[in-house]
């Protein structure tokens, strides 16, 4: 009897509390991660401070999640699971291999450190769901895996690199935005899909590409995140022009926490400034591939309220990809190529730092 070869794909995301009870655990994982909560302090001071901040923020965060309508938690894990199921179907249709697709998070549950997530290699592939490279996302993921398996995954054949520079990603994003405005997307595939058709010509909009911000401390350490965002937007804008888009595009950064200097301009400042000019504004979440707190609440509610109160002619939230088929087919092709051709340290190149067990030192 012939048995199919078996492979596992693990989709990695930052995570989100599935229930109210998981919020403090999620925040603790988030703030104790040295690549996320990067402070110039020794560990014996940084870790207690991180746990204190997580505990202090929990009540406030609980109220925000309660207002979203997902049972007191975040939809990010369940949305990633939808992507996993669709990717599993695509991979099994494309190959003669028996693919299983799982979901792991670097904060909260199901946590990447769980024993069920095996060592990266040709038969166990990890795909971080971050289009752009950042120390706080991709390098954090690689560090988690290195600590667990005592080997950096880059070059193992079991790691899919970030894909923001890929022209196909730019094409798919532009197509997605065009299909959103032309009414070709299925509303039932998305959370809180905007109701009603845009009143006007979307090709004249001011389109804001809002990315999750990071502390400038990370950028000064060699993180190429801002460059990745800028090249993504440049490529997508070029593709949008082929659809007849005539409007202006802007880059901004959201979700700042704490007093330190973060990437700028802030999305709040950008939205307010454009609104005071009476612009028609649309916001696309350039650094997210599934909808959750930052897209639904921050963009969909906070930014919308600010825009309309400040004089914007209109405000539109464009959803994240979710289970948009062309995007997931693109990811499937990336998975089938993995990273076996990498022969240099992308961590040093993109994040400014090689992990201790880098095979390319």
Protein backbone atom coordinates (compact mmCIF):
# COMPACT_ATOMS: atom_id res chain seq x y z
CA UNK A 1 0.00 0.00 0.00
CA UNK A 2 1.28 3.49 -0.93
CA UNK A 3 1.26 6.05 1.84
CA UNK A 4 1.32 9.79 1.19
CA UNK A 5 4.17 11.82 2.58
CA UNK A 6 3.00 13.87 5.55
CA UNK A 7 3.93 17.49 6.24
CA UNK A 8 2.82 20.06 8.80
CA UNK A 9 2.50 23.80 8.30
CA UNK A 10 2.32 25.98 11.40
CA UNK A 11 0.89 29.48 11.02
CA UNK A 12 2.40 31.80 13.61
CA UNK A 13 0.77 35.01 14.76
CA UNK A 14 1.29 37.35 17.70
CA UNK A 15 -1.86 36.12 19.41
CA UNK A 16 -4.83 37.44 21.27
CA UNK A 17 -6.85 36.36 24.32
CA UNK A 18 -9.62 34.00 23.28
CA UNK A 19 -11.54 34.73 26.48
CA UNK A 20 -11.54 37.34 29.26
CA UNK A 21 -9.64 34.91 31.48
CA UNK A 22 -6.72 34.80 29.02
CA UNK A 23 -6.14 38.57 28.84
CA UNK A 24 -3.57 38.85 31.63
CA UNK A 25 -1.69 35.78 30.36
CA UNK A 26 -1.60 37.28 26.87
CA UNK A 27 -0.36 40.66 28.12
CA UNK A 28 2.27 39.01 30.32
CA UNK A 29 3.60 37.00 27.37
CA UNK A 30 3.61 40.17 25.29
CA UNK A 31 5.42 42.44 27.74
CA UNK A 32 7.95 39.86 28.95
CA UNK A 33 9.13 39.20 25.37
CA UNK A 34 12.51 41.01 25.11
CA UNK A 35 12.02 41.63 21.39
CA UNK A 36 8.68 43.37 22.03
CA UNK A 37 9.22 45.07 25.39
CA UNK A 38 12.80 46.09 24.65
CA UNK A 39 14.11 48.26 27.47
CA UNK A 40 17.72 49.11 28.42
CA UNK A 41 17.35 47.31 31.74
CA UNK A 42 18.85 44.11 33.18
CA UNK A 43 16.47 41.15 33.14
CA UNK A 44 15.99 41.15 36.92
CA UNK A 45 14.45 44.62 36.54
CA UNK A 46 12.82 44.33 33.10
CA UNK A 47 10.81 41.18 33.81
CA UNK A 48 9.13 42.36 37.05
CA UNK A 49 8.36 45.69 35.38
CA UNK A 50 6.84 43.88 32.40
CA UNK A 51 4.64 41.73 34.64
CA UNK A 52 3.55 44.80 36.62
CA UNK A 53 2.55 46.66 33.43
CA UNK A 54 0.66 43.61 32.14
CA UNK A 55 -1.31 43.33 35.38
CA UNK A 56 -2.01 47.06 35.52
CA UNK A 57 -3.28 47.18 31.91
CA UNK A 58 -5.50 44.11 32.20
CA UNK A 59 -8.67 45.87 33.51
CA UNK A 60 -8.52 48.54 30.79
CA UNK A 61 -7.91 45.97 28.06
CA UNK A 62 -10.80 43.84 29.35
CA UNK A 63 -13.21 46.74 28.78
CA UNK A 64 -11.97 47.18 25.22
CA UNK A 65 -12.38 43.50 24.38
CA UNK A 66 -15.85 43.44 25.97
CA UNK A 67 -16.94 46.23 23.63
CA UNK A 68 -15.91 44.30 20.51
CA UNK A 69 -18.66 41.70 20.75
CA UNK A 70 -16.56 38.53 20.66
CA UNK A 71 -17.37 37.20 24.11
CA UNK A 72 -14.74 39.22 25.94
CA UNK A 73 -11.82 38.03 23.83
CA UNK A 74 -10.11 38.60 20.50
CA UNK A 75 -11.13 36.99 17.19
CA UNK A 76 -7.51 36.77 16.02
CA UNK A 77 -6.98 33.11 16.95
CA UNK A 78 -10.27 31.98 15.38
CA UNK A 79 -9.60 34.06 12.26
CA UNK A 80 -6.14 32.49 11.96
CA UNK A 81 -7.74 29.06 12.32
CA UNK A 82 -10.02 29.89 9.37
CA UNK A 83 -6.93 30.75 7.34
CA UNK A 84 -5.33 27.47 8.43
CA UNK A 85 -8.30 25.40 7.25
CA UNK A 86 -8.33 27.13 3.86
CA UNK A 87 -4.57 26.81 3.42
CA UNK A 88 -4.77 23.12 4.30
CA UNK A 89 -7.29 22.59 1.50
CA UNK A 90 -5.16 24.53 -0.98
CA UNK A 91 -1.94 22.65 -0.14
CA UNK A 92 -3.64 19.25 -0.33
CA UNK A 93 -5.12 20.17 -3.72
CA UNK A 94 -1.80 21.44 -5.06
CA UNK A 95 0.37 18.49 -4.00
CA UNK A 96 0.39 14.74 -3.46
CA UNK A 97 1.43 15.38 0.13
CA UNK A 98 -0.87 15.00 3.13
CA UNK A 99 -0.71 18.48 4.69
CA UNK A 100 -1.90 19.39 8.18
CA UNK A 101 -2.03 23.10 9.05
CA UNK A 102 -1.90 24.21 12.69
CA UNK A 103 -1.98 27.57 14.47
CA UNK A 104 0.55 28.81 17.04
CA UNK A 105 0.84 32.12 18.86
CA UNK A 106 3.85 33.83 20.44
CA UNK A 107 1.60 35.38 23.11
CA UNK A 108 -1.33 33.60 24.70
CA UNK A 109 -2.71 30.28 23.48
CA UNK A 110 -2.09 28.02 21.66
CA UNK A 111 1.47 29.04 22.51
CA UNK A 112 4.36 28.25 20.21
CA UNK A 113 6.26 26.67 23.10
CA UNK A 114 3.64 23.87 23.33
CA UNK A 115 5.30 20.44 22.73
CA UNK A 116 2.85 19.67 19.91
CA UNK A 117 4.70 22.15 17.69
CA UNK A 118 7.72 20.23 16.44
CA UNK A 119 11.18 21.22 15.23
CA UNK A 120 11.33 23.21 11.97
CA UNK A 121 12.56 21.21 8.99
CA UNK A 122 11.47 20.02 5.55
CA UNK A 123 8.42 18.25 7.05
CA UNK A 124 7.46 20.88 9.64
CA UNK A 125 7.24 24.36 8.18
CA UNK A 126 6.68 27.57 10.14
CA UNK A 127 5.02 30.56 8.45
CA UNK A 128 4.98 33.80 10.50
CA UNK A 129 1.92 35.75 9.32
CA UNK A 130 3.70 39.10 9.21
CA UNK A 131 4.19 40.56 5.72
CA UNK A 132 7.01 42.85 6.89
CA UNK A 133 10.04 41.82 8.92
CA UNK A 134 10.39 43.27 12.40
CA UNK A 135 12.37 42.38 15.49
CA UNK A 136 9.11 42.49 17.47
CA UNK A 137 7.38 39.91 15.27
CA UNK A 138 9.58 37.75 13.01
CA UNK A 139 12.77 37.86 15.08
CA UNK A 140 10.69 37.23 18.21
CA UNK A 141 9.18 34.14 16.56
CA UNK A 142 12.60 32.84 15.51
CA UNK A 143 13.93 33.43 19.02
CA UNK A 144 11.06 31.41 20.54
CA UNK A 145 11.85 28.52 18.20
CA UNK A 146 15.59 28.77 18.83
CA UNK A 147 15.12 28.61 22.59
CA UNK A 148 12.86 25.60 22.19
CA UNK A 149 14.96 23.63 19.69
CA UNK A 150 18.46 25.11 20.25
CA UNK A 151 18.75 26.00 16.59
CA UNK A 152 17.71 29.04 14.53
CA UNK A 153 15.11 27.94 11.94
CA UNK A 154 16.48 30.13 9.13
CA UNK A 155 18.02 27.87 6.51
CA UNK A 156 16.47 24.70 7.94
CA UNK A 157 13.97 24.26 5.14
CA UNK A 158 11.22 24.75 7.69
CA UNK A 159 10.78 28.50 7.70
CA UNK A 160 8.92 30.82 5.31
CA UNK A 161 10.51 34.31 5.19
CA UNK A 162 8.53 37.56 5.27
CA UNK A 163 7.10 38.53 1.90
CA UNK A 164 6.52 42.30 1.84
CA UNK A 165 8.97 42.86 -1.01
CA UNK A 166 7.34 40.33 -3.33
CA UNK A 167 5.71 42.04 -6.35
CA UNK A 168 2.99 39.37 -6.30
CA UNK A 169 2.06 40.49 -2.77
CA UNK A 170 1.76 44.03 -4.09
CA UNK A 171 -0.45 42.87 -6.97
CA UNK A 172 -2.72 40.86 -4.68
CA UNK A 173 -3.09 43.73 -2.20
CA UNK A 174 -4.02 46.20 -4.94
CA UNK A 175 -6.49 43.70 -6.39
CA UNK A 176 -8.01 43.17 -2.93
CA UNK A 177 -8.51 46.91 -2.40
CA UNK A 178 -10.03 47.28 -5.86
CA UNK A 179 -12.40 44.34 -5.30
CA UNK A 180 -13.43 45.74 -1.93
CA UNK A 181 -14.58 49.01 -3.50
CA UNK A 182 -16.13 47.34 -6.54
CA UNK A 183 -18.24 45.10 -4.28
CA UNK A 184 -16.63 41.83 -5.38
CA UNK A 185 -15.70 40.59 -1.90
CA UNK A 186 -18.07 38.35 0.05
CA UNK A 187 -19.23 40.21 3.14
CA UNK A 188 -19.77 36.94 5.03
CA UNK A 189 -16.03 36.16 4.79
CA UNK A 190 -15.13 39.15 6.97
CA UNK A 191 -15.77 40.43 10.49
CA UNK A 192 -17.80 43.66 10.80
CA UNK A 193 -17.73 44.10 7.02
CA UNK A 194 -18.50 47.77 6.25
CA UNK A 195 -22.18 48.21 5.36
CA UNK A 196 -23.30 50.06 2.26
CA UNK A 197 -21.42 50.92 -0.88
CA UNK A 198 -18.88 53.74 -0.95
CA UNK A 199 -20.60 56.90 -2.13
CA UNK A 200 -18.26 58.36 -4.71
CA UNK A 201 -15.28 57.35 -6.82
CA UNK A 202 -12.82 55.39 -4.68
CA UNK A 203 -10.06 56.17 -7.17
CA UNK A 204 -9.88 59.73 -5.81
CA UNK A 205 -9.63 58.77 -2.13
CA UNK A 206 -6.84 59.58 0.27
CA UNK A 207 -5.67 56.06 1.11
CA UNK A 208 -3.87 55.65 4.44
CA UNK A 209 -1.73 52.54 4.88
CA UNK A 210 -1.75 52.12 8.65
CA UNK A 211 0.92 49.83 10.10
CA UNK A 212 1.44 48.66 13.66
CA UNK A 213 4.01 50.97 15.18
CA UNK A 214 7.23 49.89 16.88
CA UNK A 215 9.55 51.77 19.25
CA UNK A 216 12.30 53.67 17.46
CA UNK A 217 14.71 51.84 19.76
CA UNK A 218 14.13 48.76 17.58
CA UNK A 219 14.77 50.71 14.38
CA UNK A 220 18.03 52.06 15.83
CA UNK A 221 19.08 48.46 16.48
CA UNK A 222 18.88 47.71 12.76
CA UNK A 223 15.22 46.73 12.34
CA UNK A 224 14.28 47.34 8.68
CA UNK A 225 10.56 47.41 9.44
CA UNK A 226 9.99 50.98 8.26
CA UNK A 227 11.82 50.28 5.00
CA UNK A 228 9.70 47.17 4.53
CA UNK A 229 6.51 49.19 5.06
CA UNK A 230 7.64 51.90 2.67
CA UNK A 231 8.62 49.48 -0.11
CA UNK A 232 5.33 47.58 0.34
CA UNK A 233 3.28 50.75 -0.02
CA UNK A 234 5.33 51.92 -3.00
CA UNK A 235 4.75 48.62 -4.81
CA UNK A 236 1.04 48.49 -3.94
CA UNK A 237 0.52 52.10 -5.00
CA UNK A 238 2.12 51.39 -8.35
CA UNK A 239 -0.27 48.47 -8.83
CA UNK A 240 -3.25 50.58 -7.75
CA UNK A 241 -2.41 53.09 -10.46
CA UNK A 242 -2.96 50.30 -13.00
CA UNK A 243 -6.55 50.08 -11.65
CA UNK A 244 -6.98 53.79 -12.30
CA UNK A 245 -6.35 54.97 -8.74
CA UNK A 246 -5.63 58.72 -8.83
CA UNK A 247 -5.70 59.58 -5.14
CA UNK A 248 -2.92 60.15 -2.64
CA UNK A 249 -1.41 57.40 -0.50
CA UNK A 250 -0.03 57.93 3.00
CA UNK A 251 1.89 55.82 5.55
CA UNK A 252 1.21 56.03 9.27
CA UNK A 253 1.70 53.95 12.43
CA UNK A 254 -0.79 52.96 15.11
CA UNK A 255 -1.07 51.27 18.51
CA UNK A 256 1.65 53.14 20.39
CA UNK A 257 2.12 52.10 24.03
CA UNK A 258 4.11 54.08 26.60
CA UNK A 259 6.07 57.35 26.50
CA UNK A 260 9.03 56.25 24.34
CA UNK A 261 9.44 57.55 20.81
CA UNK A 262 7.74 55.30 18.23
CA UNK A 263 7.59 55.19 14.46
CA UNK A 264 5.89 58.24 12.94
CA UNK A 265 3.68 59.80 11.76
CA UNK A 266 1.03 58.38 14.03
CA UNK A 267 -2.18 57.24 12.38
CA UNK A 268 -4.19 59.44 14.73
CA UNK A 269 -2.25 62.52 13.61
CA UNK A 270 -2.55 61.51 9.96
CA UNK A 271 -6.32 60.91 10.17
CA UNK A 272 -6.92 64.19 12.00
CA UNK A 273 -4.81 66.20 9.55
CA UNK A 274 -6.51 64.75 6.45
CA UNK A 275 -9.93 65.13 8.04
CA UNK A 276 -9.42 68.83 8.70
CA UNK A 277 -8.84 69.20 4.96
CA UNK A 278 -12.25 67.62 4.32
CA UNK A 279 -10.81 64.54 2.64
CA UNK A 280 -12.51 61.25 1.82
CA UNK A 281 -10.36 58.79 3.74
CA UNK A 282 -9.89 55.04 3.51
CA UNK A 283 -7.56 53.08 5.81
CA UNK A 284 -5.91 49.81 4.86
CA UNK A 285 -4.11 47.73 7.56
CA UNK A 286 -0.84 47.16 5.71
CA UNK A 287 0.88 45.11 8.44
CA UNK A 288 -2.06 42.83 9.35
CA UNK A 289 -3.45 39.82 7.47
CA UNK A 290 -6.49 39.16 9.68
CA UNK A 291 -8.94 41.40 11.51
CA UNK A 292 -8.74 41.82 15.28
CA UNK A 293 -8.54 44.56 17.94
CA UNK A 294 -6.28 46.93 15.99
CA UNK A 295 -8.36 46.80 12.80
CA UNK A 296 -11.89 46.45 14.15
CA UNK A 297 -11.72 48.69 17.22
CA UNK A 298 -8.79 51.02 16.64
CA UNK A 299 -9.28 51.66 12.91
CA UNK A 300 -12.98 50.85 12.60
CA UNK A 301 -14.17 52.80 15.64
CA UNK A 302 -11.52 55.17 17.05
CA UNK A 303 -10.15 56.36 13.72
CA UNK A 304 -13.62 56.62 12.22
CA UNK A 305 -14.94 58.73 15.11
CA UNK A 306 -11.89 61.00 14.97
CA UNK A 307 -12.19 61.43 11.20
CA UNK A 308 -15.87 62.33 11.17
CA UNK A 309 -15.55 64.63 14.19
CA UNK A 310 -12.60 66.41 12.54
CA UNK A 311 -14.34 67.15 9.25
CA UNK A 312 -13.64 64.21 6.96
CA UNK A 313 -16.07 63.95 4.08
CA UNK A 314 -16.16 60.16 4.56
CA UNK A 315 -14.23 57.38 6.29
CA UNK A 316 -13.88 53.76 5.13
CA UNK A 317 -12.15 50.88 6.89
CA UNK A 318 -10.81 48.33 4.40
CA UNK A 319 -10.66 44.88 6.01
CA UNK A 320 -7.57 42.68 6.30
CA UNK A 321 -7.16 39.71 3.94
CA UNK A 322 -8.68 37.02 6.15
CA UNK A 323 -9.49 34.04 3.91
CA UNK A 324 -9.16 35.99 0.66
CA UNK A 325 -8.30 33.16 -1.72
CA UNK A 326 -5.65 34.84 -3.93
CA UNK A 327 -3.69 35.78 -0.81
CA UNK A 328 -3.83 32.28 0.68
CA UNK A 329 -2.85 30.75 -2.66
CA UNK A 330 0.13 33.12 -2.65
CA UNK A 331 1.09 31.90 0.83
CA UNK A 332 0.74 28.28 -0.30
CA UNK A 333 3.31 28.91 -3.05
CA UNK A 334 5.65 30.43 -0.47
CA UNK A 335 5.24 27.36 1.73
CA UNK A 336 6.10 25.00 -1.11
CA UNK A 337 9.37 26.88 -1.69
CA UNK A 338 10.20 27.27 2.04
CA UNK A 339 13.63 28.73 2.81
CA UNK A 340 16.00 25.96 1.77
CA UNK A 341 17.77 28.31 -0.64
CA UNK A 342 18.70 30.83 2.09
CA UNK A 343 22.44 30.84 2.65
CA UNK A 344 22.94 33.91 4.80
CA UNK A 345 21.71 35.39 8.08
CA UNK A 346 18.47 37.23 7.32
CA UNK A 347 18.11 38.05 11.04
CA UNK A 348 21.25 40.19 10.92
CA UNK A 349 20.28 41.68 7.55
CA UNK A 350 16.67 42.52 8.44
CA UNK A 351 16.70 42.81 12.23
CA UNK A 352 20.24 43.92 13.01
CA UNK A 353 21.08 40.87 15.11
CA UNK A 354 22.05 37.23 14.62
CA UNK A 355 20.57 34.73 17.04
CA UNK A 356 23.12 32.73 19.11
CA UNK A 357 22.73 29.49 17.11
CA UNK A 358 22.75 31.08 13.64
CA UNK A 359 24.10 28.50 11.17
CA UNK A 360 25.58 31.20 8.94
CA UNK A 361 27.95 32.87 11.45
